[in-house]
């Protein structure tokens, strides 16, 4: 299990050496529930997503990451926001220090997956679920992820730019 240390608006955070691009999706099913996954390494709930790999677009990366982490295939429907706060720093186990640049998309499950139950991958995620808005507030999550979810759910027609 890869454990990443994550800092957010922390004066004691190390200085980033580069920018790490990532893509996440706010996936809503027809009942309006939001797809969330729980990370194995820290137990936090989050939108499914992750690093954009060399050779893939942000769109390709988010579709791949959501399928890997939750078993749900998606179609992108819009853009939710850009999150590039320099105080959001990730430290890899090898000591690499990155500022995260996260692109967040709106999405829906494909027709084939609309009624499917999400499943964790057992590598990065140990839970995956469709969550009602009322239940999200009680979930443990990183403050940077809570901001993304609040923006995507609270103002879905207004992309957020940071």
N, C-alpha and C. Protein backbone atom coordinates (compact mmCIF):
# COMPACT_ATOMS: atom_id res chain seq x y z
N UNK A 1 0.84 -1.18 0.00
CA UNK A 1 0.00 0.00 0.00
C UNK A 1 0.89 1.24 0.00
N UNK A 2 0.64 2.13 -0.94
CA UNK A 2 1.39 3.37 -1.05
C UNK A 2 0.76 4.40 -0.11
N UNK A 3 1.56 4.97 0.75
CA UNK A 3 1.06 5.99 1.67
C UNK A 3 1.63 7.33 1.26
N UNK A 4 0.76 8.24 0.94
CA UNK A 4 1.14 9.59 0.54
C UNK A 4 0.80 10.51 1.70
N UNK A 5 1.75 11.36 2.08
CA UNK A 5 1.45 12.39 3.07
C UNK A 5 0.86 13.57 2.33
N UNK A 6 -0.17 14.14 2.89
CA UNK A 6 -0.88 15.22 2.24
C UNK A 6 -0.97 16.42 3.18
N UNK A 7 -0.61 17.59 2.66
CA UNK A 7 -0.68 18.84 3.42
C UNK A 7 -1.63 19.78 2.71
N UNK A 8 -2.36 20.58 3.49
CA UNK A 8 -3.29 21.53 2.90
C UNK A 8 -3.37 22.74 3.82
N UNK A 9 -2.94 23.86 3.30
CA UNK A 9 -2.94 25.12 4.06
C UNK A 9 -2.23 24.95 5.40
N UNK A 10 -1.09 24.27 5.35
CA UNK A 10 -0.29 23.95 6.53
C UNK A 10 1.05 24.69 6.40
N UNK A 11 1.32 25.60 7.32
CA UNK A 11 2.56 26.38 7.28
C UNK A 11 3.81 25.50 7.40
N UNK A 12 3.66 24.28 7.92
CA UNK A 12 4.80 23.37 8.08
C UNK A 12 4.98 22.43 6.90
N UNK A 13 4.20 22.60 5.85
CA UNK A 13 4.32 21.73 4.67
C UNK A 13 5.66 21.96 3.98
N UNK A 14 6.25 20.90 3.44
CA UNK A 14 7.48 21.08 2.67
C UNK A 14 7.18 21.81 1.36
N UNK A 15 8.19 22.38 0.77
CA UNK A 15 8.04 23.11 -0.49
C UNK A 15 8.00 22.11 -1.65
N UNK A 16 6.99 22.27 -2.51
CA UNK A 16 6.83 21.38 -3.67
C UNK A 16 7.95 21.60 -4.68
N UNK A 17 8.33 20.52 -5.35
CA UNK A 17 9.36 20.57 -6.40
C UNK A 17 8.76 20.63 -7.79
N UNK A 18 7.52 20.16 -7.91
CA UNK A 18 6.87 20.15 -9.22
C UNK A 18 5.36 20.13 -9.03
N UNK A 19 4.65 20.10 -10.14
CA UNK A 19 3.19 20.06 -10.13
C UNK A 19 2.75 18.67 -10.58
N UNK A 20 1.82 18.09 -9.86
CA UNK A 20 1.31 16.76 -10.16
C UNK A 20 -0.12 16.87 -10.67
N UNK A 21 -0.35 16.58 -11.96
CA UNK A 21 -1.71 16.68 -12.49
C UNK A 21 -2.55 15.45 -12.12
N UNK A 22 -3.80 15.72 -11.74
CA UNK A 22 -4.73 14.66 -11.38
C UNK A 22 -6.12 15.03 -11.89
N UNK A 23 -6.97 14.02 -12.03
CA UNK A 23 -8.35 14.24 -12.49
C UNK A 23 -9.29 13.43 -11.63
N UNK A 24 -10.41 14.05 -11.23
CA UNK A 24 -11.41 13.43 -10.38
C UNK A 24 -12.79 13.64 -11.00
N UNK A 25 -13.76 12.80 -10.62
CA UNK A 25 -15.11 12.94 -11.17
C UNK A 25 -16.15 12.96 -10.07
N UNK A 26 -17.07 13.90 -10.18
CA UNK A 26 -18.27 13.94 -9.35
C UNK A 26 -19.34 13.21 -10.17
N UNK A 27 -19.48 11.90 -9.90
CA UNK A 27 -20.38 11.04 -10.66
C UNK A 27 -21.71 10.96 -9.92
N UNK A 28 -22.79 11.32 -10.60
CA UNK A 28 -24.13 11.26 -10.02
C UNK A 28 -24.95 10.21 -10.77
N UNK A 29 -25.66 9.36 -10.02
CA UNK A 29 -26.55 8.42 -10.66
C UNK A 29 -27.93 9.07 -10.85
N UNK A 30 -28.87 8.35 -11.43
CA UNK A 30 -30.18 8.95 -11.73
C UNK A 30 -30.95 9.34 -10.47
N UNK A 31 -30.59 8.75 -9.32
CA UNK A 31 -31.21 9.12 -8.04
C UNK A 31 -30.55 10.34 -7.41
N UNK A 32 -29.52 10.88 -8.06
CA UNK A 32 -28.83 12.05 -7.54
C UNK A 32 -27.76 11.74 -6.52
N UNK A 33 -27.49 10.45 -6.29
CA UNK A 33 -26.45 10.08 -5.34
C UNK A 33 -25.07 10.23 -5.97
N UNK A 34 -24.11 10.57 -5.13
CA UNK A 34 -22.74 10.83 -5.56
C UNK A 34 -21.87 9.60 -5.30
N UNK A 35 -21.06 9.24 -6.28
CA UNK A 35 -20.15 8.11 -6.13
C UNK A 35 -18.92 8.55 -5.34
N UNK A 36 -18.65 7.86 -4.24
CA UNK A 36 -17.47 8.13 -3.42
C UNK A 36 -16.73 6.83 -3.16
N UNK A 37 -15.42 6.96 -2.97
CA UNK A 37 -14.57 5.81 -2.62
C UNK A 37 -13.81 6.14 -1.35
N UNK A 38 -13.47 5.10 -0.59
CA UNK A 38 -12.67 5.30 0.62
C UNK A 38 -11.27 4.76 0.37
N UNK A 39 -10.28 5.62 0.60
CA UNK A 39 -8.88 5.27 0.38
C UNK A 39 -8.40 4.26 1.44
N UNK A 40 -7.61 3.30 1.00
CA UNK A 40 -7.04 2.33 1.93
C UNK A 40 -5.99 2.98 2.81
N UNK A 41 -5.17 3.86 2.25
CA UNK A 41 -4.01 4.38 3.00
C UNK A 41 -4.37 5.29 4.16
N UNK A 42 -5.42 6.10 4.03
CA UNK A 42 -5.73 7.01 5.13
C UNK A 42 -7.18 6.93 5.62
N UNK A 43 -8.00 6.10 4.98
CA UNK A 43 -9.39 5.94 5.41
C UNK A 43 -10.32 7.06 5.03
N UNK A 44 -9.83 8.03 4.27
CA UNK A 44 -10.66 9.16 3.86
C UNK A 44 -11.53 8.80 2.65
N UNK A 45 -12.73 9.36 2.64
CA UNK A 45 -13.62 9.25 1.49
C UNK A 45 -13.27 10.35 0.50
N UNK A 46 -13.46 10.07 -0.78
CA UNK A 46 -13.16 11.07 -1.80
C UNK A 46 -13.87 10.74 -3.11
N UNK A 47 -13.85 11.72 -4.00
CA UNK A 47 -14.29 11.46 -5.36
C UNK A 47 -13.29 10.51 -6.00
N UNK A 48 -13.74 9.57 -6.82
CA UNK A 48 -12.78 8.71 -7.49
C UNK A 48 -11.97 9.51 -8.50
N UNK A 49 -10.70 9.14 -8.61
CA UNK A 49 -9.81 9.82 -9.55
C UNK A 49 -8.38 9.62 -9.15
N UNK A 50 -7.49 10.27 -9.87
CA UNK A 50 -6.07 10.15 -9.56
C UNK A 50 -5.19 10.78 -10.61
N UNK A 51 -3.94 10.37 -10.59
CA UNK A 51 -2.92 10.96 -11.45
C UNK A 51 -3.20 10.78 -12.93
N UNK A 52 -2.88 11.82 -13.67
CA UNK A 52 -2.91 11.75 -15.13
C UNK A 52 -1.55 11.21 -15.55
N UNK A 53 -1.56 10.10 -16.26
CA UNK A 53 -0.32 9.46 -16.70
C UNK A 53 0.16 10.07 -18.02
N UNK A 54 1.46 9.98 -18.25
CA UNK A 54 2.03 10.43 -19.52
C UNK A 54 1.37 9.64 -20.64
N UNK A 55 0.95 10.32 -21.68
CA UNK A 55 0.34 9.67 -22.83
C UNK A 55 -1.17 9.59 -22.78
N UNK A 56 -1.80 10.12 -21.72
CA UNK A 56 -3.26 10.11 -21.68
C UNK A 56 -3.77 11.52 -21.40
N UNK A 57 -4.97 11.79 -21.86
CA UNK A 57 -5.61 13.07 -21.60
C UNK A 57 -6.24 13.04 -20.22
N UNK A 58 -6.62 14.21 -19.73
CA UNK A 58 -7.32 14.28 -18.45
C UNK A 58 -8.63 13.50 -18.52
N UNK A 59 -9.33 13.59 -19.65
CA UNK A 59 -10.58 12.86 -19.82
C UNK A 59 -10.34 11.35 -19.73
N UNK A 60 -9.33 10.87 -20.41
CA UNK A 60 -9.01 9.44 -20.38
C UNK A 60 -8.61 9.01 -18.97
N UNK A 61 -7.82 9.84 -18.31
CA UNK A 61 -7.35 9.51 -16.97
C UNK A 61 -8.50 9.36 -15.99
N UNK A 62 -9.45 10.28 -16.00
CA UNK A 62 -10.54 10.22 -15.03
C UNK A 62 -11.46 9.03 -15.30
N UNK A 63 -11.72 8.73 -16.56
CA UNK A 63 -12.54 7.56 -16.89
C UNK A 63 -11.84 6.29 -16.41
N UNK A 64 -10.53 6.19 -16.65
CA UNK A 64 -9.74 5.03 -16.22
C UNK A 64 -9.73 4.91 -14.70
N UNK A 65 -9.43 6.01 -14.01
CA UNK A 65 -9.33 5.99 -12.55
C UNK A 65 -10.66 5.63 -11.88
N UNK A 66 -11.77 6.17 -12.37
CA UNK A 66 -13.07 5.86 -11.78
C UNK A 66 -13.37 4.37 -11.95
N UNK A 67 -13.11 3.84 -13.13
CA UNK A 67 -13.35 2.40 -13.37
C UNK A 67 -12.46 1.54 -12.49
N UNK A 68 -11.19 1.93 -12.34
CA UNK A 68 -10.27 1.15 -11.50
C UNK A 68 -10.70 1.17 -10.04
N UNK A 69 -11.02 2.34 -9.52
CA UNK A 69 -11.27 2.50 -8.08
C UNK A 69 -12.67 2.08 -7.64
N UNK A 70 -13.64 2.07 -8.58
CA UNK A 70 -15.03 1.80 -8.18
C UNK A 70 -15.74 0.75 -9.02
N UNK A 71 -15.16 0.36 -10.15
CA UNK A 71 -15.82 -0.59 -11.04
C UNK A 71 -16.93 0.03 -11.88
N UNK A 72 -17.09 1.34 -11.83
CA UNK A 72 -18.15 2.03 -12.57
C UNK A 72 -17.54 2.73 -13.79
N UNK A 73 -18.12 2.47 -14.96
CA UNK A 73 -17.69 3.19 -16.16
C UNK A 73 -18.56 4.44 -16.30
N UNK A 74 -17.94 5.51 -16.76
CA UNK A 74 -18.63 6.80 -16.77
C UNK A 74 -18.57 7.48 -18.11
N UNK A 75 -19.47 8.45 -18.25
CA UNK A 75 -19.46 9.40 -19.36
C UNK A 75 -19.36 10.79 -18.75
N UNK A 76 -18.43 11.59 -19.24
CA UNK A 76 -18.27 12.95 -18.73
C UNK A 76 -19.39 13.83 -19.27
N UNK A 77 -19.90 14.70 -18.40
CA UNK A 77 -21.00 15.58 -18.80
C UNK A 77 -20.67 17.05 -18.65
N UNK A 78 -19.58 17.37 -17.98
CA UNK A 78 -19.25 18.77 -17.79
C UNK A 78 -17.99 18.93 -16.95
N UNK A 79 -17.67 20.17 -16.72
CA UNK A 79 -16.47 20.50 -15.98
C UNK A 79 -16.86 21.12 -14.64
N UNK A 80 -16.31 20.60 -13.55
CA UNK A 80 -16.67 21.08 -12.21
C UNK A 80 -15.68 22.10 -11.67
N UNK A 81 -14.39 21.98 -12.03
CA UNK A 81 -13.45 22.97 -11.52
C UNK A 81 -12.00 22.60 -11.64
N UNK A 82 -11.16 23.62 -11.37
CA UNK A 82 -9.71 23.49 -11.34
C UNK A 82 -9.26 23.82 -9.92
N UNK A 83 -8.45 22.95 -9.34
CA UNK A 83 -7.96 23.14 -7.97
C UNK A 83 -6.43 23.11 -8.02
N UNK A 84 -5.85 24.27 -7.79
CA UNK A 84 -4.39 24.40 -7.92
C UNK A 84 -3.76 25.18 -6.77
N UNK A 85 -4.39 25.14 -5.61
CA UNK A 85 -3.89 25.85 -4.44
C UNK A 85 -2.45 25.41 -4.15
N UNK A 86 -1.48 26.33 -4.19
CA UNK A 86 -0.08 25.96 -3.94
C UNK A 86 0.16 25.37 -2.56
N UNK A 87 -0.79 25.56 -1.65
CA UNK A 87 -0.61 25.00 -0.31
C UNK A 87 -1.08 23.55 -0.21
N UNK A 88 -1.57 22.98 -1.31
CA UNK A 88 -1.97 21.57 -1.32
C UNK A 88 -0.77 20.77 -1.83
N UNK A 89 -0.05 20.17 -0.89
CA UNK A 89 1.23 19.50 -1.18
C UNK A 89 1.11 18.01 -0.86
N UNK A 90 1.61 17.20 -1.77
CA UNK A 90 1.64 15.74 -1.61
C UNK A 90 3.09 15.28 -1.55
N UNK A 91 3.39 14.39 -0.61
CA UNK A 91 4.73 13.83 -0.50
C UNK A 91 4.62 12.33 -0.75
N UNK A 92 5.26 11.86 -1.83
CA UNK A 92 5.27 10.44 -2.17
C UNK A 92 6.18 9.69 -1.21
N UNK A 93 5.99 8.38 -1.09
CA UNK A 93 6.86 7.58 -0.22
C UNK A 93 8.34 7.68 -0.58
N UNK A 94 8.64 7.97 -1.85
CA UNK A 94 10.04 8.10 -2.26
C UNK A 94 10.63 9.48 -1.96
N UNK A 95 9.80 10.36 -1.35
CA UNK A 95 10.28 11.69 -0.98
C UNK A 95 9.99 12.79 -1.98
N UNK A 96 9.44 12.45 -3.16
CA UNK A 96 9.06 13.47 -4.14
C UNK A 96 7.95 14.33 -3.55
N UNK A 97 8.07 15.64 -3.76
CA UNK A 97 7.10 16.58 -3.18
C UNK A 97 6.43 17.35 -4.32
N UNK A 98 5.10 17.26 -4.36
CA UNK A 98 4.33 17.83 -5.47
C UNK A 98 3.26 18.80 -4.99
N UNK A 99 3.01 19.81 -5.80
CA UNK A 99 1.81 20.63 -5.65
C UNK A 99 0.76 19.96 -6.52
N UNK A 100 -0.42 19.71 -5.98
CA UNK A 100 -1.44 19.05 -6.79
C UNK A 100 -2.18 20.05 -7.66
N UNK A 101 -2.37 19.68 -8.91
CA UNK A 101 -3.24 20.38 -9.84
C UNK A 101 -4.34 19.39 -10.17
N UNK A 102 -5.54 19.62 -9.66
CA UNK A 102 -6.63 18.67 -9.85
C UNK A 102 -7.71 19.28 -10.74
N UNK A 103 -8.09 18.52 -11.75
CA UNK A 103 -9.20 18.87 -12.61
C UNK A 103 -10.38 18.00 -12.17
N UNK A 104 -11.52 18.62 -11.97
CA UNK A 104 -12.69 17.89 -11.49
C UNK A 104 -13.80 17.99 -12.54
N UNK A 105 -14.36 16.84 -12.89
CA UNK A 105 -15.39 16.75 -13.92
C UNK A 105 -16.71 16.30 -13.32
N UNK A 106 -17.80 16.63 -14.00
CA UNK A 106 -19.11 16.05 -13.71
C UNK A 106 -19.25 14.84 -14.63
N UNK A 107 -19.91 13.79 -14.13
CA UNK A 107 -20.08 12.59 -14.93
C UNK A 107 -21.32 11.82 -14.48
N UNK A 108 -21.73 10.89 -15.33
CA UNK A 108 -22.81 9.96 -15.01
C UNK A 108 -22.31 8.56 -15.36
N UNK A 109 -22.90 7.55 -14.72
CA UNK A 109 -22.53 6.19 -15.10
C UNK A 109 -23.01 5.92 -16.52
N UNK A 110 -22.31 5.07 -17.24
CA UNK A 110 -22.80 4.68 -18.56
C UNK A 110 -24.12 3.95 -18.40
N UNK A 111 -24.86 3.83 -19.46
CA UNK A 111 -26.15 3.16 -19.41
C UNK A 111 -26.01 1.77 -18.81
N UNK A 112 -24.96 1.05 -19.18
CA UNK A 112 -24.76 -0.30 -18.65
C UNK A 112 -24.48 -0.32 -17.16
N UNK A 113 -23.88 0.74 -16.63
CA UNK A 113 -23.51 0.78 -15.22
C UNK A 113 -24.48 1.59 -14.35
N UNK A 114 -25.54 2.15 -14.93
CA UNK A 114 -26.44 3.02 -14.16
C UNK A 114 -26.99 2.34 -12.92
N UNK A 115 -27.36 1.08 -12.99
CA UNK A 115 -27.91 0.40 -11.83
C UNK A 115 -26.90 -0.42 -11.06
N UNK A 116 -25.64 -0.32 -11.43
CA UNK A 116 -24.60 -1.15 -10.81
C UNK A 116 -24.21 -0.65 -9.43
N UNK A 117 -23.82 -1.60 -8.60
CA UNK A 117 -23.27 -1.26 -7.29
C UNK A 117 -21.76 -1.08 -7.45
N UNK A 118 -21.22 0.02 -6.94
CA UNK A 118 -19.77 0.20 -7.02
C UNK A 118 -19.05 -0.81 -6.15
N UNK A 119 -17.81 -1.11 -6.51
CA UNK A 119 -17.00 -2.04 -5.73
C UNK A 119 -15.59 -1.47 -5.63
N UNK A 120 -14.98 -1.58 -4.46
CA UNK A 120 -13.60 -1.09 -4.31
C UNK A 120 -12.63 -2.00 -5.04
N UNK A 121 -11.46 -1.46 -5.36
CA UNK A 121 -10.46 -2.27 -6.06
C UNK A 121 -9.59 -3.10 -5.13
N UNK A 122 -9.60 -2.79 -3.82
CA UNK A 122 -8.79 -3.53 -2.87
C UNK A 122 -7.32 -3.17 -2.90
N UNK A 123 -6.94 -2.25 -3.78
CA UNK A 123 -5.55 -1.79 -3.89
C UNK A 123 -5.44 -0.36 -3.38
N UNK A 124 -6.24 0.52 -3.95
CA UNK A 124 -6.27 1.92 -3.51
C UNK A 124 -7.50 2.22 -2.67
N UNK A 125 -8.59 1.48 -2.93
CA UNK A 125 -9.85 1.74 -2.24
C UNK A 125 -10.35 0.48 -1.53
N UNK A 126 -10.94 0.69 -0.34
CA UNK A 126 -11.51 -0.44 0.39
C UNK A 126 -13.01 -0.32 0.56
N UNK A 127 -13.60 0.72 -0.02
CA UNK A 127 -15.05 0.89 -0.04
C UNK A 127 -15.40 1.81 -1.20
N UNK A 128 -16.59 1.60 -1.75
CA UNK A 128 -17.12 2.44 -2.81
C UNK A 128 -18.63 2.43 -2.66
N UNK A 129 -19.26 3.60 -2.79
CA UNK A 129 -20.70 3.66 -2.53
C UNK A 129 -21.33 4.86 -3.22
N UNK A 130 -22.63 4.71 -3.49
CA UNK A 130 -23.44 5.85 -3.91
C UNK A 130 -23.93 6.52 -2.63
N UNK A 131 -23.66 7.80 -2.47
CA UNK A 131 -23.97 8.50 -1.22
C UNK A 131 -24.98 9.63 -1.45
N UNK A 132 -26.00 9.67 -0.60
CA UNK A 132 -26.96 10.78 -0.63
C UNK A 132 -26.30 12.03 -0.06
N UNK A 133 -26.71 13.19 -0.54
CA UNK A 133 -26.14 14.45 -0.06
C UNK A 133 -26.15 14.55 1.46
N UNK A 134 -27.24 14.12 2.08
CA UNK A 134 -27.37 14.23 3.53
C UNK A 134 -26.34 13.40 4.28
N UNK A 135 -25.83 12.34 3.65
CA UNK A 135 -24.86 11.46 4.31
C UNK A 135 -23.41 11.91 4.14
N UNK A 136 -23.15 12.76 3.18
CA UNK A 136 -21.77 13.15 2.85
C UNK A 136 -21.12 13.94 3.98
N UNK A 137 -21.87 14.78 4.65
CA UNK A 137 -21.32 15.62 5.71
C UNK A 137 -20.71 14.81 6.85
N UNK A 138 -21.20 13.59 7.06
CA UNK A 138 -20.72 12.76 8.17
C UNK A 138 -19.50 11.91 7.81
N UNK A 139 -19.10 11.92 6.56
CA UNK A 139 -17.97 11.10 6.13
C UNK A 139 -16.64 11.79 6.42
N UNK A 140 -15.64 11.01 6.78
CA UNK A 140 -14.29 11.53 7.01
C UNK A 140 -13.63 11.75 5.66
N UNK A 141 -13.15 12.98 5.44
CA UNK A 141 -12.45 13.28 4.19
C UNK A 141 -11.49 14.44 4.38
N UNK A 142 -10.53 14.52 3.48
CA UNK A 142 -9.54 15.58 3.51
C UNK A 142 -10.24 16.91 3.17
N UNK A 143 -9.85 18.01 3.80
CA UNK A 143 -10.50 19.31 3.54
C UNK A 143 -10.46 19.74 2.07
N UNK A 144 -9.39 19.43 1.36
CA UNK A 144 -9.32 19.79 -0.05
C UNK A 144 -10.37 19.03 -0.86
N UNK A 145 -10.61 17.78 -0.51
CA UNK A 145 -11.63 16.98 -1.20
C UNK A 145 -13.02 17.45 -0.82
N UNK A 146 -13.22 17.81 0.43
CA UNK A 146 -14.54 18.32 0.85
C UNK A 146 -14.88 19.57 0.06
N UNK A 147 -13.90 20.44 -0.19
CA UNK A 147 -14.13 21.64 -0.99
C UNK A 147 -14.59 21.26 -2.40
N UNK A 148 -13.94 20.28 -3.02
CA UNK A 148 -14.32 19.86 -4.37
C UNK A 148 -15.75 19.31 -4.40
N UNK A 149 -16.07 18.50 -3.41
CA UNK A 149 -17.41 17.91 -3.35
C UNK A 149 -18.46 19.00 -3.10
N UNK A 150 -18.19 19.88 -2.14
CA UNK A 150 -19.13 20.97 -1.86
C UNK A 150 -19.38 21.82 -3.09
N UNK A 151 -18.32 22.13 -3.84
CA UNK A 151 -18.48 22.93 -5.05
C UNK A 151 -19.26 22.19 -6.12
N UNK A 152 -18.94 20.92 -6.34
CA UNK A 152 -19.60 20.14 -7.39
C UNK A 152 -21.09 19.92 -7.08
N UNK A 153 -21.40 19.70 -5.81
CA UNK A 153 -22.78 19.44 -5.40
C UNK A 153 -23.55 20.74 -5.22
N UNK A 154 -22.92 21.73 -4.61
CA UNK A 154 -23.60 22.99 -4.28
C UNK A 154 -23.84 23.92 -5.44
N UNK A 155 -22.93 23.90 -6.41
CA UNK A 155 -23.06 24.80 -7.57
C UNK A 155 -22.64 24.05 -8.83
N UNK A 156 -23.41 23.02 -9.22
CA UNK A 156 -22.98 22.17 -10.33
C UNK A 156 -22.86 22.89 -11.67
N UNK A 157 -23.58 23.97 -11.86
CA UNK A 157 -23.52 24.69 -13.13
C UNK A 157 -22.41 25.74 -13.16
N UNK A 158 -21.75 25.96 -12.02
CA UNK A 158 -20.72 27.00 -11.92
C UNK A 158 -19.36 26.37 -11.66
N UNK A 159 -18.52 26.21 -12.69
CA UNK A 159 -17.18 25.65 -12.44
C UNK A 159 -16.39 26.51 -11.46
N UNK A 160 -15.60 25.86 -10.64
CA UNK A 160 -14.77 26.51 -9.63
C UNK A 160 -13.36 26.61 -10.16
N UNK A 161 -12.74 27.77 -9.97
CA UNK A 161 -11.35 27.96 -10.42
C UNK A 161 -10.52 28.48 -9.27
N UNK A 162 -9.48 27.75 -8.93
CA UNK A 162 -8.59 28.12 -7.83
C UNK A 162 -7.16 28.14 -8.35
